[in-house]
Amino acid sequence: MIALTLTAIAQLKAIQVHHPQDPVIRISVRDLDDSRLSFSITLEANPQPDDDVRQIDDLTIAVDRRSAPRMEGVTMDYTEATGFRFLHDDKGRSLPLLTIPTLN
């Protein structure tokens, strides 16, 4: 399952304050091409029956079953300068996979 940094958690909580009717944070990933991935973040009212759902620091994180295996070893981070970033590499180093994720 995906991990979240403290700054990502704080930013997601700040966003949720303005969307109390959508308490579930859905994170998904899809292929853009052979070497790039696109991550998306959406707020939803309820998780779907086939979601992998976890509570992380009072946040409800839902990942669809197709995306869940690809989230292993991925860390979501947030900075004012870059926004949300998804970081991963096989040796435990943090390398950006995508620098412009979406938040809908």
PDB file of N, CA and C in Angstrom:
ATOM      1  N   MET A   1       0.854  -1.188   0.000  1.00  0.00           N
ATOM      2  CA  MET A   1       0.000   0.000   0.000  1.00  0.00           C
ATOM      3  C   MET A   1       0.886   1.232   0.000  1.00  0.00           C
ATOM      4  N   ILE A   2       0.398   2.277  -0.546  1.00  0.00           N
ATOM      5  CA  ILE A   2       1.113   3.541  -0.630  1.00  0.00           C
ATOM      6  C   ILE A   2       1.387   4.098   0.773  1.00  0.00           C
ATOM      7  N   ALA A   3       2.501   4.791   0.917  1.00  0.00           N
ATOM      8  CA  ALA A   3       2.831   5.495   2.156  1.00  0.00           C
ATOM      9  C   ALA A   3       2.675   6.993   1.910  1.00  0.00           C
ATOM     10  N   LEU A   4       2.400   7.751   2.954  1.00  0.00           N
ATOM     11  CA  LEU A   4       2.241   9.202   2.848  1.00  0.00           C
ATOM     12  C   LEU A   4       3.194   9.879   3.812  1.00  0.00           C
ATOM     13  N   THR A   5       3.850  10.938   3.355  1.00  0.00           N
ATOM     14  CA  THR A   5       4.690  11.723   4.250  1.00  0.00           C
ATOM     15  C   THR A   5       3.793  12.597   5.127  1.00  0.00           C
ATOM     16  N   LEU A   6       4.357  13.124   6.192  1.00  0.00           N
ATOM     17  CA  LEU A   6       3.593  14.005   7.073  1.00  0.00           C
ATOM     18  C   LEU A   6       3.085  15.240   6.344  1.00  0.00           C
ATOM     19  N   THR A   7       3.875  15.768   5.417  1.00  0.00           N
ATOM     20  CA  THR A   7       3.427  16.954   4.676  1.00  0.00           C
ATOM     21  C   THR A   7       2.289  16.608   3.716  1.00  0.00           C
ATOM     22  N   ALA A   8       2.311  15.430   3.120  1.00  0.00           N
ATOM     23  CA  ALA A   8       1.198  15.008   2.256  1.00  0.00           C
ATOM     24  C   ALA A   8      -0.069  14.829   3.082  1.00  0.00           C
ATOM     25  N   ILE A   9       0.059  14.214   4.253  1.00  0.00           N
ATOM     26  CA  ILE A   9      -1.093  14.033   5.139  1.00  0.00           C
ATOM     27  C   ILE A   9      -1.687  15.385   5.523  1.00  0.00           C
ATOM     28  N   ALA A  10      -0.839  16.321   5.910  1.00  0.00           N
ATOM     29  CA  ALA A  10      -1.310  17.648   6.318  1.00  0.00           C
ATOM     30  C   ALA A  10      -2.032  18.353   5.167  1.00  0.00           C
ATOM     31  N   GLN A  11      -1.501  18.252   3.961  1.00  0.00           N
ATOM     32  CA  GLN A  11      -2.132  18.913   2.821  1.00  0.00           C
ATOM     33  C   GLN A  11      -3.466  18.258   2.458  1.00  0.00           C
ATOM     34  N   LEU A  12      -3.530  16.934   2.505  1.00  0.00           N
ATOM     35  CA  LEU A  12      -4.792  16.240   2.225  1.00  0.00           C
ATOM     36  C   LEU A  12      -5.855  16.609   3.257  1.00  0.00           C
ATOM     37  N   LYS A  13      -5.461  16.719   4.517  1.00  0.00           N
ATOM     38  CA  LYS A  13      -6.409  17.116   5.561  1.00  0.00           C
ATOM     39  C   LYS A  13      -6.892  18.548   5.329  1.00  0.00           C
ATOM     40  N   ALA A  14      -5.989  19.428   4.891  1.00  0.00           N
ATOM     41  CA  ALA A  14      -6.370  20.811   4.611  1.00  0.00           C
ATOM     42  C   ALA A  14      -7.360  20.877   3.449  1.00  0.00           C
ATOM     43  N   ILE A  15      -7.179  20.038   2.453  1.00  0.00           N
ATOM     44  CA  ILE A  15      -8.098  19.994   1.316  1.00  0.00           C
ATOM     45  C   ILE A  15      -9.441  19.421   1.739  1.00  0.00           C
ATOM     46  N   GLN A  16      -9.421  18.390   2.550  1.00  0.00           N
ATOM     47  CA  GLN A  16     -10.662  17.751   2.988  1.00  0.00           C
ATOM     48  C   GLN A  16     -11.567  18.685   3.779  1.00  0.00           C
ATOM     49  N   VAL A  17     -11.004  19.645   4.464  1.00  0.00           N
ATOM     50  CA  VAL A  17     -11.802  20.593   5.236  1.00  0.00           C
ATOM     51  C   VAL A  17     -12.837  21.268   4.337  1.00  0.00           C
ATOM     52  N   HIS A  18     -12.486  21.503   3.091  1.00  0.00           N
ATOM     53  CA  HIS A  18     -13.372  22.179   2.147  1.00  0.00           C
ATOM     54  C   HIS A  18     -14.311  21.220   1.415  1.00  0.00           C
ATOM     55  N   HIS A  19     -14.171  19.920   1.651  1.00  0.00           N
ATOM     56  CA  HIS A  19     -14.985  18.903   0.976  1.00  0.00           C
ATOM     57  C   HIS A  19     -15.459  17.839   1.976  1.00  0.00           C
ATOM     58  N   PRO A  20     -16.192  18.241   3.024  1.00  0.00           N
ATOM     59  CA  PRO A  20     -16.595  17.265   4.045  1.00  0.00           C
ATOM     60  C   PRO A  20     -17.527  16.173   3.508  1.00  0.00           C
ATOM     61  N   GLN A  21     -18.204  16.425   2.401  1.00  0.00           N
ATOM     62  CA  GLN A  21     -19.109  15.429   1.825  1.00  0.00           C
ATOM     63  C   GLN A  21     -18.348  14.331   1.076  1.00  0.00           C
ATOM     64  N   ASP A  22     -17.057  14.506   0.863  1.00  0.00           N
ATOM     65  CA  ASP A  22     -16.215  13.534   0.151  1.00  0.00           C
ATOM     66  C   ASP A  22     -15.023  13.132   1.011  1.00  0.00           C
ATOM     67  N   PRO A  23     -15.233  12.284   2.024  1.00  0.00           N
ATOM     68  CA  PRO A  23     -14.164  11.965   2.975  1.00  0.00           C
ATOM     69  C   PRO A  23     -13.159  10.910   2.498  1.00  0.00           C
ATOM     70  N   VAL A  24     -13.413  10.256   1.365  1.00  0.00           N
ATOM     71  CA  VAL A  24     -12.517   9.199   0.890  1.00  0.00           C
ATOM     72  C   VAL A  24     -11.551   9.770  -0.143  1.00  0.00           C
ATOM     73  N   ILE A  25     -10.273   9.509   0.068  1.00  0.00           N
ATOM     74  CA  ILE A  25      -9.237   9.943  -0.879  1.00  0.00           C
ATOM     75  C   ILE A  25      -8.880   8.749  -1.746  1.00  0.00           C
ATOM     76  N   ARG A  26      -9.208   8.832  -3.030  1.00  0.00           N
ATOM     77  CA  ARG A  26      -8.901   7.750  -3.969  1.00  0.00           C
ATOM     78  C   ARG A  26      -7.604   8.080  -4.696  1.00  0.00           C
ATOM     79  N   ILE A  27      -6.696   7.118  -4.682  1.00  0.00           N
ATOM     80  CA  ILE A  27      -5.426   7.259  -5.390  1.00  0.00           C
ATOM     81  C   ILE A  27      -5.352   6.129  -6.411  1.00  0.00           C
ATOM     82  N   SER A  28      -5.071   6.491  -7.656  1.00  0.00           N
ATOM     83  CA  SER A  28      -4.954   5.470  -8.698  1.00  0.00           C
ATOM     84  C   SER A  28      -3.778   5.793  -9.609  1.00  0.00           C
ATOM     85  N   VAL A  29      -3.362   4.782 -10.356  1.00  0.00           N
ATOM     86  CA  VAL A  29      -2.231   4.931 -11.261  1.00  0.00           C
ATOM     87  C   VAL A  29      -2.577   4.269 -12.592  1.00  0.00           C
ATOM     88  N   ARG A  30      -2.095   4.856 -13.676  1.00  0.00           N
ATOM     89  CA  ARG A  30      -2.248   4.252 -14.997  1.00  0.00           C
ATOM     90  C   ARG A  30      -0.999   4.560 -15.809  1.00  0.00           C
ATOM     91  N   ASP A  31      -0.764   3.770 -16.835  1.00  0.00           N
ATOM     92  CA  ASP A  31       0.382   3.969 -17.711  1.00  0.00           C
ATOM     93  C   ASP A  31       0.110   5.086 -18.710  1.00  0.00           C
ATOM     94  N   LEU A  32       1.056   6.007 -18.838  1.00  0.00           N
ATOM     95  CA  LEU A  32       0.996   6.985 -19.920  1.00  0.00           C
ATOM     96  C   LEU A  32       1.654   6.418 -21.167  1.00  0.00           C
ATOM     97  N   ASP A  33       2.787   5.763 -20.951  1.00  0.00           N
ATOM     98  CA  ASP A  33       3.504   5.078 -22.025  1.00  0.00           C
ATOM     99  C   ASP A  33       4.425   4.054 -21.364  1.00  0.00           C
ATOM    100  N   ASP A  34       5.428   3.559 -22.084  1.00  0.00           N
ATOM    101  CA  ASP A  34       6.293   2.506 -21.541  1.00  0.00           C
ATOM    102  C   ASP A  34       7.138   2.944 -20.352  1.00  0.00           C
ATOM    103  N   SER A  35       7.366   4.243 -20.192  1.00  0.00           N
ATOM    104  CA  SER A  35       8.266   4.680 -19.125  1.00  0.00           C
ATOM    105  C   SER A  35       7.660   5.703 -18.172  1.00  0.00           C
ATOM    106  N   ARG A  36       6.407   6.099 -18.385  1.00  0.00           N
ATOM    107  CA  ARG A  36       5.807   7.108 -17.509  1.00  0.00           C
ATOM    108  C   ARG A  36       4.463   6.642 -16.968  1.00  0.00           C
ATOM    109  N   LEU A  37       4.212   7.033 -15.721  1.00  0.00           N
ATOM    110  CA  LEU A  37       2.958   6.717 -15.049  1.00  0.00           C
ATOM    111  C   LEU A  37       2.212   8.002 -14.740  1.00  0.00           C
ATOM    112  N   SER A  38       0.911   7.903 -14.654  1.00  0.00           N
ATOM    113  CA  SER A  38       0.077   9.023 -14.245  1.00  0.00           C
ATOM    114  C   SER A  38      -0.665   8.617 -12.976  1.00  0.00           C
ATOM    115  N   PHE A  39      -0.480   9.390 -11.920  1.00  0.00           N
ATOM    116  CA  PHE A  39      -1.176   9.161 -10.666  1.00  0.00           C
ATOM    117  C   PHE A  39      -2.309  10.177 -10.567  1.00  0.00           C
ATOM    118  N   SER A  40      -3.415   9.765  -9.994  1.00  0.00           N
ATOM    119  CA  SER A  40      -4.500  10.721  -9.777  1.00  0.00           C
ATOM    120  C   SER A  40      -4.991  10.612  -8.338  1.00  0.00           C
ATOM    121  N   ILE A  41      -5.459  11.733  -7.844  1.00  0.00           N
ATOM    122  CA  ILE A  41      -6.013  11.832  -6.498  1.00  0.00           C
ATOM    123  C   ILE A  41      -7.397  12.435  -6.662  1.00  0.00           C
ATOM    124  N   THR A  42      -8.409  11.749  -6.172  1.00  0.00           N
ATOM    125  CA  THR A  42      -9.766  12.293  -6.206  1.00  0.00           C
ATOM    126  C   THR A  42     -10.397  12.130  -4.834  1.00  0.00           C
ATOM    127  N   LEU A  43     -11.353  12.979  -4.553  1.00  0.00           N
ATOM    128  CA  LEU A  43     -12.112  12.888  -3.309  1.00  0.00           C
ATOM    129  C   LEU A  43     -13.480  12.316  -3.652  1.00  0.00           C
ATOM    130  N   GLU A  44     -13.933  11.345  -2.869  1.00  0.00           N
ATOM    131  CA  GLU A  44     -15.195  10.673  -3.144  1.00  0.00           C
ATOM    132  C   GLU A  44     -15.983  10.468  -1.860  1.00  0.00           C
ATOM    133  N   ALA A  45     -17.278  10.248  -2.006  1.00  0.00           N
ATOM    134  CA  ALA A  45     -18.147  10.060  -0.846  1.00  0.00           C
ATOM    135  C   ALA A  45     -17.930   8.709  -0.186  1.00  0.00           C
ATOM    136  N   ASN A  46     -17.716   7.658  -0.996  1.00  0.00           N
ATOM    137  CA  ASN A  46     -17.606   6.304  -0.459  1.00  0.00           C
ATOM    138  C   ASN A  46     -16.568   5.497  -1.223  1.00  0.00           C
ATOM    139  N   PRO A  47     -15.934   4.535  -0.560  1.00  0.00           N
ATOM    140  CA  PRO A  47     -15.052   3.629  -1.298  1.00  0.00           C
ATOM    141  C   PRO A  47     -15.893   2.669  -2.136  1.00  0.00           C
ATOM    142  N   GLN A  48     -15.286   2.079  -3.137  1.00  0.00           N
ATOM    143  CA  GLN A  48     -15.929   1.077  -3.977  1.00  0.00           C
ATOM    144  C   GLN A  48     -15.720  -0.303  -3.355  1.00  0.00           C
ATOM    145  N   PRO A  49     -16.588  -1.254  -3.655  1.00  0.00           N
ATOM    146  CA  PRO A  49     -16.475  -2.588  -3.041  1.00  0.00           C
ATOM    147  C   PRO A  49     -15.138  -3.287  -3.293  1.00  0.00           C
ATOM    148  N   ASP A  50     -14.498  -3.023  -4.434  1.00  0.00           N
ATOM    149  CA  ASP A  50     -13.242  -3.715  -4.741  1.00  0.00           C
ATOM    150  C   ASP A  50     -12.003  -2.904  -4.372  1.00  0.00           C
ATOM    151  N   ASP A  51     -12.161  -1.844  -3.595  1.00  0.00           N
ATOM    152  CA  ASP A  51     -11.027  -1.011  -3.193  1.00  0.00           C
ATOM    153  C   ASP A  51     -10.228  -1.646  -2.063  1.00  0.00           C
ATOM    154  N   ASP A  52      -8.945  -1.341  -2.043  1.00  0.00           N
ATOM    155  CA  ASP A  52      -8.088  -1.614  -0.894  1.00  0.00           C
ATOM    156  C   ASP A  52      -8.160  -0.340  -0.052  1.00  0.00           C
ATOM    157  N   VAL A  53      -8.783  -0.393   1.109  1.00  0.00           N
ATOM    158  CA  VAL A  53      -9.022   0.792   1.929  1.00  0.00           C
ATOM    159  C   VAL A  53      -8.183   0.714   3.194  1.00  0.00           C
ATOM    160  N   ARG A  54      -7.494   1.799   3.499  1.00  0.00           N
ATOM    161  CA  ARG A  54      -6.664   1.899   4.713  1.00  0.00           C
ATOM    162  C   ARG A  54      -6.922   3.233   5.395  1.00  0.00           C
ATOM    163  N   GLN A  55      -6.798   3.222   6.698  1.00  0.00           N
ATOM    164  CA  GLN A  55      -6.828   4.453   7.485  1.00  0.00           C
ATOM    165  C   GLN A  55      -5.380   4.855   7.741  1.00  0.00           C
ATOM    166  N   ILE A  56      -5.033   6.051   7.336  1.00  0.00           N
ATOM    167  CA  ILE A  56      -3.696   6.578   7.579  1.00  0.00           C
ATOM    168  C   ILE A  56      -3.862   7.928   8.266  1.00  0.00           C
ATOM    169  N   ASP A  57      -3.524   8.006   9.538  1.00  0.00           N
ATOM    170  CA  ASP A  57      -3.604   9.240  10.327  1.00  0.00           C
ATOM    171  C   ASP A  57      -4.966   9.929  10.161  1.00  0.00           C
ATOM    172  N   ASP A  58      -6.032   9.184  10.376  1.00  0.00           N
ATOM    173  CA  ASP A  58      -7.420   9.670  10.281  1.00  0.00           C
ATOM    174  C   ASP A  58      -7.870  10.006   8.859  1.00  0.00           C
ATOM    175  N   LEU A  59      -7.122   9.626   7.853  1.00  0.00           N
ATOM    176  CA  LEU A  59      -7.538   9.770   6.458  1.00  0.00           C
ATOM    177  C   LEU A  59      -7.959   8.400   5.940  1.00  0.00           C
ATOM    178  N   THR A  60      -9.025   8.364   5.159  1.00  0.00           N
ATOM    179  CA  THR A  60      -9.446   7.133   4.515  1.00  0.00           C
ATOM    180  C   THR A  60      -8.882   7.134   3.101  1.00  0.00           C
ATOM    181  N   ILE A  61      -7.940   6.232   2.857  1.00  0.00           N
ATOM    182  CA  ILE A  61      -7.274   6.130   1.551  1.00  0.00           C
ATOM    183  C   ILE A  61      -7.817   4.899   0.840  1.00  0.00           C
ATOM    184  N   ALA A  62      -8.335   5.090  -0.367  1.00  0.00           N
ATOM    185  CA  ALA A  62      -8.856   3.984  -1.176  1.00  0.00           C
ATOM    186  C   ALA A  62      -8.018   3.859  -2.439  1.00  0.00           C
ATOM    187  N   VAL A  63      -7.604   2.638  -2.721  1.00  0.00           N
ATOM    188  CA  VAL A  63      -6.844   2.333  -3.938  1.00  0.00           C
ATOM    189  C   VAL A  63      -7.571   1.190  -4.633  1.00  0.00           C
ATOM    190  N   ASP A  64      -7.902   1.367  -5.918  1.00  0.00           N
ATOM    191  CA  ASP A  64      -8.598   0.296  -6.616  1.00  0.00           C
ATOM    192  C   ASP A  64      -7.680  -0.919  -6.737  1.00  0.00           C
ATOM    193  N   ARG A  65      -8.270  -2.093  -6.820  1.00  0.00           N
ATOM    194  CA  ARG A  65      -7.508  -3.359  -6.819  1.00  0.00           C
ATOM    195  C   ARG A  65      -6.483  -3.434  -7.950  1.00  0.00           C
ATOM    196  N   ARG A  66      -6.765  -2.821  -9.102  1.00  0.00           N
ATOM    197  CA  ARG A  66      -5.790  -2.855 -10.209  1.00  0.00           C
ATOM    198  C   ARG A  66      -4.561  -2.010  -9.893  1.00  0.00           C
ATOM    199  N   SER A  67      -4.754  -0.915  -9.175  1.00  0.00           N
ATOM    200  CA  SER A  67      -3.638  -0.028  -8.851  1.00  0.00           C
ATOM    201  C   SER A  67      -2.871  -0.463  -7.610  1.00  0.00           C
ATOM    202  N   ALA A  68      -3.523  -1.194  -6.711  1.00  0.00           N
ATOM    203  CA  ALA A  68      -2.927  -1.537  -5.413  1.00  0.00           C
ATOM    204  C   ALA A  68      -1.553  -2.192  -5.509  1.00  0.00           C
ATOM    205  N   PRO A  69      -1.338  -3.214  -6.361  1.00  0.00           N
ATOM    206  CA  PRO A  69      -0.004  -3.821  -6.410  1.00  0.00           C
ATOM    207  C   PRO A  69       1.083  -2.839  -6.861  1.00  0.00           C
ATOM    208  N   ARG A  70       0.707  -1.876  -7.652  1.00  0.00           N
ATOM    209  CA  ARG A  70       1.677  -0.900  -8.164  1.00  0.00           C
ATOM    210  C   ARG A  70       1.999   0.186  -7.146  1.00  0.00           C
ATOM    211  N   MET A  71       1.246   0.249  -6.064  1.00  0.00           N
ATOM    212  CA  MET A  71       1.472   1.251  -5.025  1.00  0.00           C
ATOM    213  C   MET A  71       2.461   0.779  -3.968  1.00  0.00           C
ATOM    214  N   GLU A  72       2.831  -0.503  -3.997  1.00  0.00           N
ATOM    215  CA  GLU A  72       3.808  -1.006  -3.034  1.00  0.00           C
ATOM    216  C   GLU A  72       5.132  -0.277  -3.230  1.00  0.00           C
ATOM    217  N   GLY A  73       5.671   0.271  -2.163  1.00  0.00           N
ATOM    218  CA  GLY A  73       6.944   0.973  -2.228  1.00  0.00           C
ATOM    219  C   GLY A  73       6.846   2.405  -2.718  1.00  0.00           C
ATOM    220  N   VAL A  74       5.636   2.887  -2.991  1.00  0.00           N
ATOM    221  CA  VAL A  74       5.438   4.265  -3.447  1.00  0.00           C
ATOM    222  C   VAL A  74       5.122   5.134  -2.238  1.00  0.00           C
ATOM    223  N   THR A  75       5.735   6.319  -2.197  1.00  0.00           N
ATOM    224  CA  THR A  75       5.464   7.294  -1.144  1.00  0.00           C
ATOM    225  C   THR A  75       4.924   8.562  -1.778  1.00  0.00           C
ATOM    226  N   MET A  76       3.813   9.041  -1.266  1.00  0.00           N
ATOM    227  CA  MET A  76       3.256  10.307  -1.734  1.00  0.00           C
ATOM    228  C   MET A  76       3.781  11.415  -0.831  1.00  0.00           C
ATOM    229  N   ASP A  77       4.328  12.444  -1.456  1.00  0.00           N
ATOM    230  CA  ASP A  77       4.902  13.575  -0.734  1.00  0.00           C
ATOM    231  C   ASP A  77       4.230  14.848  -1.226  1.00  0.00           C
ATOM    232  N   TYR A  78       4.401  15.927  -0.484  1.00  0.00           N
ATOM    233  CA  TYR A  78       3.867  17.219  -0.886  1.00  0.00           C
ATOM    234  C   TYR A  78       4.846  18.312  -0.484  1.00  0.00           C
ATOM    235  N   THR A  79       5.086  19.242  -1.397  1.00  0.00           N
ATOM    236  CA  THR A  79       5.813  20.473  -1.082  1.00  0.00           C
ATOM    237  C   THR A  79       5.084  21.619  -1.759  1.00  0.00           C
ATOM    238  N   GLU A  80       5.201  22.797  -1.215  1.00  0.00           N
ATOM    239  CA  GLU A  80       4.596  23.981  -1.833  1.00  0.00           C
ATOM    240  C   GLU A  80       5.134  24.194  -3.245  1.00  0.00           C
ATOM    241  N   ALA A  81       6.406  23.934  -3.441  1.00  0.00           N
ATOM    242  CA  ALA A  81       7.047  24.193  -4.734  1.00  0.00           C
ATOM    243  C   ALA A  81       6.608  23.229  -5.831  1.00  0.00           C
ATOM    244  N   THR A  82       6.401  21.946  -5.470  1.00  0.00           N
ATOM    245  CA  THR A  82       6.117  20.944  -6.505  1.00  0.00           C
ATOM    246  C   THR A  82       4.723  20.344  -6.420  1.00  0.00           C
ATOM    247  N   GLY A  83       3.988  20.600  -5.346  1.00  0.00           N
ATOM    248  CA  GLY A  83       2.687  19.967  -5.162  1.00  0.00           C
ATOM    249  C   GLY A  83       2.865  18.526  -4.731  1.00  0.00           C
ATOM    250  N   PHE A  84       1.899  17.684  -5.061  1.00  0.00           N
ATOM    251  CA  PHE A  84       1.996  16.265  -4.728  1.00  0.00           C
ATOM    252  C   PHE A  84       2.949  15.576  -5.690  1.00  0.00           C
ATOM    253  N   ARG A  85       3.782  14.699  -5.124  1.00  0.00           N
ATOM    254  CA  ARG A  85       4.694  13.884  -5.932  1.00  0.00           C
ATOM    255  C   ARG A  85       4.612  12.457  -5.425  1.00  0.00           C
ATOM    256  N   PHE A  86       4.814  11.523  -6.338  1.00  0.00           N
ATOM    257  CA  PHE A  86       4.821  10.103  -6.008  1.00  0.00           C
ATOM    258  C   PHE A  86       6.237   9.599  -6.225  1.00  0.00           C
ATOM    259  N   LEU A  87       6.843   9.048  -5.171  1.00  0.00           N
ATOM    260  CA  LEU A  87       8.255   8.704  -5.178  1.00  0.00           C
ATOM    261  C   LEU A  87       8.455   7.204  -5.010  1.00  0.00           C
ATOM    262  N   HIS A  88       9.451   6.669  -5.759  1.00  0.00           N
ATOM    263  CA  HIS A  88       9.725   5.242  -5.662  1.00  0.00           C
ATOM    264  C   HIS A  88      10.986   4.894  -6.424  1.00  0.00           C
ATOM    265  N   ASP A  89      11.666   3.917  -5.942  1.00  0.00           N
ATOM    266  CA  ASP A  89      12.685   3.213  -6.727  1.00  0.00           C
ATOM    267  C   ASP A  89      13.022   1.915  -6.035  1.00  0.00           C
ATOM    268  N   ASP A  90      13.553   0.976  -6.782  1.00  0.00           N
ATOM    269  CA  ASP A  90      13.767  -0.374  -6.265  1.00  0.00           C
ATOM    270  C   ASP A  90      14.789  -0.446  -5.137  1.00  0.00           C
ATOM    271  N   LYS A  91      15.637   0.554  -5.007  1.00  0.00           N
ATOM    272  CA  LYS A  91      16.681   0.525  -3.987  1.00  0.00           C
ATOM    273  C   LYS A  91      16.325   1.373  -2.772  1.00  0.00           C
ATOM    274  N   GLY A  92      15.068   1.799  -2.684  1.00  0.00           N
ATOM    275  CA  GLY A  92      14.626   2.552  -1.522  1.00  0.00           C
ATOM    276  C   GLY A  92      14.883   4.040  -1.612  1.00  0.00           C
ATOM    277  N   ARG A  93      15.463   4.495  -2.709  1.00  0.00           N
ATOM    278  CA  ARG A  93      15.675   5.935  -2.873  1.00  0.00           C
ATOM    279  C   ARG A  93      14.389   6.563  -3.389  1.00  0.00           C
ATOM    280  N   SER A  94      14.240   7.837  -3.169  1.00  0.00           N
ATOM    281  CA  SER A  94      13.049   8.538  -3.623  1.00  0.00           C
ATOM    282  C   SER A  94      13.333   9.257  -4.928  1.00  0.00           C
ATOM    283  N   LEU A  95      12.728   8.788  -5.978  1.00  0.00           N
ATOM    284  CA  LEU A  95      12.853   9.410  -7.289  1.00  0.00           C
ATOM    285  C   LEU A  95      11.464   9.760  -7.793  1.00  0.00           C
ATOM    286  N   PRO A  96      11.259  10.966  -8.337  1.00  0.00           N
ATOM    287  CA  PRO A  96       9.924  11.309  -8.789  1.00  0.00           C
ATOM    288  C   PRO A  96       9.525  10.490 -10.010  1.00  0.00           C
ATOM    289  N   LEU A  97       8.317   9.938  -9.965  1.00  0.00           N
ATOM    290  CA  LEU A  97       7.766   9.237 -11.115  1.00  0.00           C
ATOM    291  C   LEU A  97       6.936  10.182 -11.965  1.00  0.00           C
ATOM    292  N   LEU A  98       6.328  11.151 -11.342  1.00  0.00           N
ATOM    293  CA  LEU A  98       5.492  12.102 -12.050  1.00  0.00           C
ATOM    294  C   LEU A  98       5.519  13.396 -11.269  1.00  0.00           C
ATOM    295  N   THR A  99       5.737  14.502 -11.935  1.00  0.00           N
ATOM    296  CA  THR A  99       5.845  15.762 -11.216  1.00  0.00           C
ATOM    297  C   THR A  99       4.572  16.581 -11.236  1.00  0.00           C
ATOM    298  N   ILE A 100       3.567  16.171 -12.045  1.00  0.00           N
ATOM    299  CA  ILE A 100       2.324  16.931 -12.111  1.00  0.00           C
ATOM    300  C   ILE A 100       1.141  15.983 -11.915  1.00  0.00           C
ATOM    301  N   PRO A 101       0.900  15.512 -10.698  1.00  0.00           N
ATOM    302  CA  PRO A 101      -0.279  14.675 -10.458  1.00  0.00           C
ATOM    303  C   PRO A 101      -1.553  15.521 -10.481  1.00  0.00           C
ATOM    304  N   THR A 102      -2.684  14.891 -10.497  1.00  0.00           N
ATOM    305  CA  THR A 102      -3.948  15.606 -10.515  1.00  0.00           C
ATOM    306  C   THR A 102      -4.647  15.475  -9.180  1.00  0.00           C
ATOM    307  N   LEU A 103      -5.413  16.465  -8.843  1.00  0.00           N
ATOM    308  CA  LEU A 103      -6.299  16.418  -7.676  1.00  0.00           C
ATOM    309  C   LEU A 103      -7.630  16.946  -8.137  1.00  0.00           C
ATOM    310  N   ASN A 104      -8.622  16.088  -8.197  1.00  0.00           N
ATOM    311  CA  ASN A 104      -9.954  16.474  -8.675  1.00  0.00           C
ATOM    312  C   ASN A 104     -10.937  16.548  -7.524  1.00  0.00           C
TER     313      ASN A 104
END
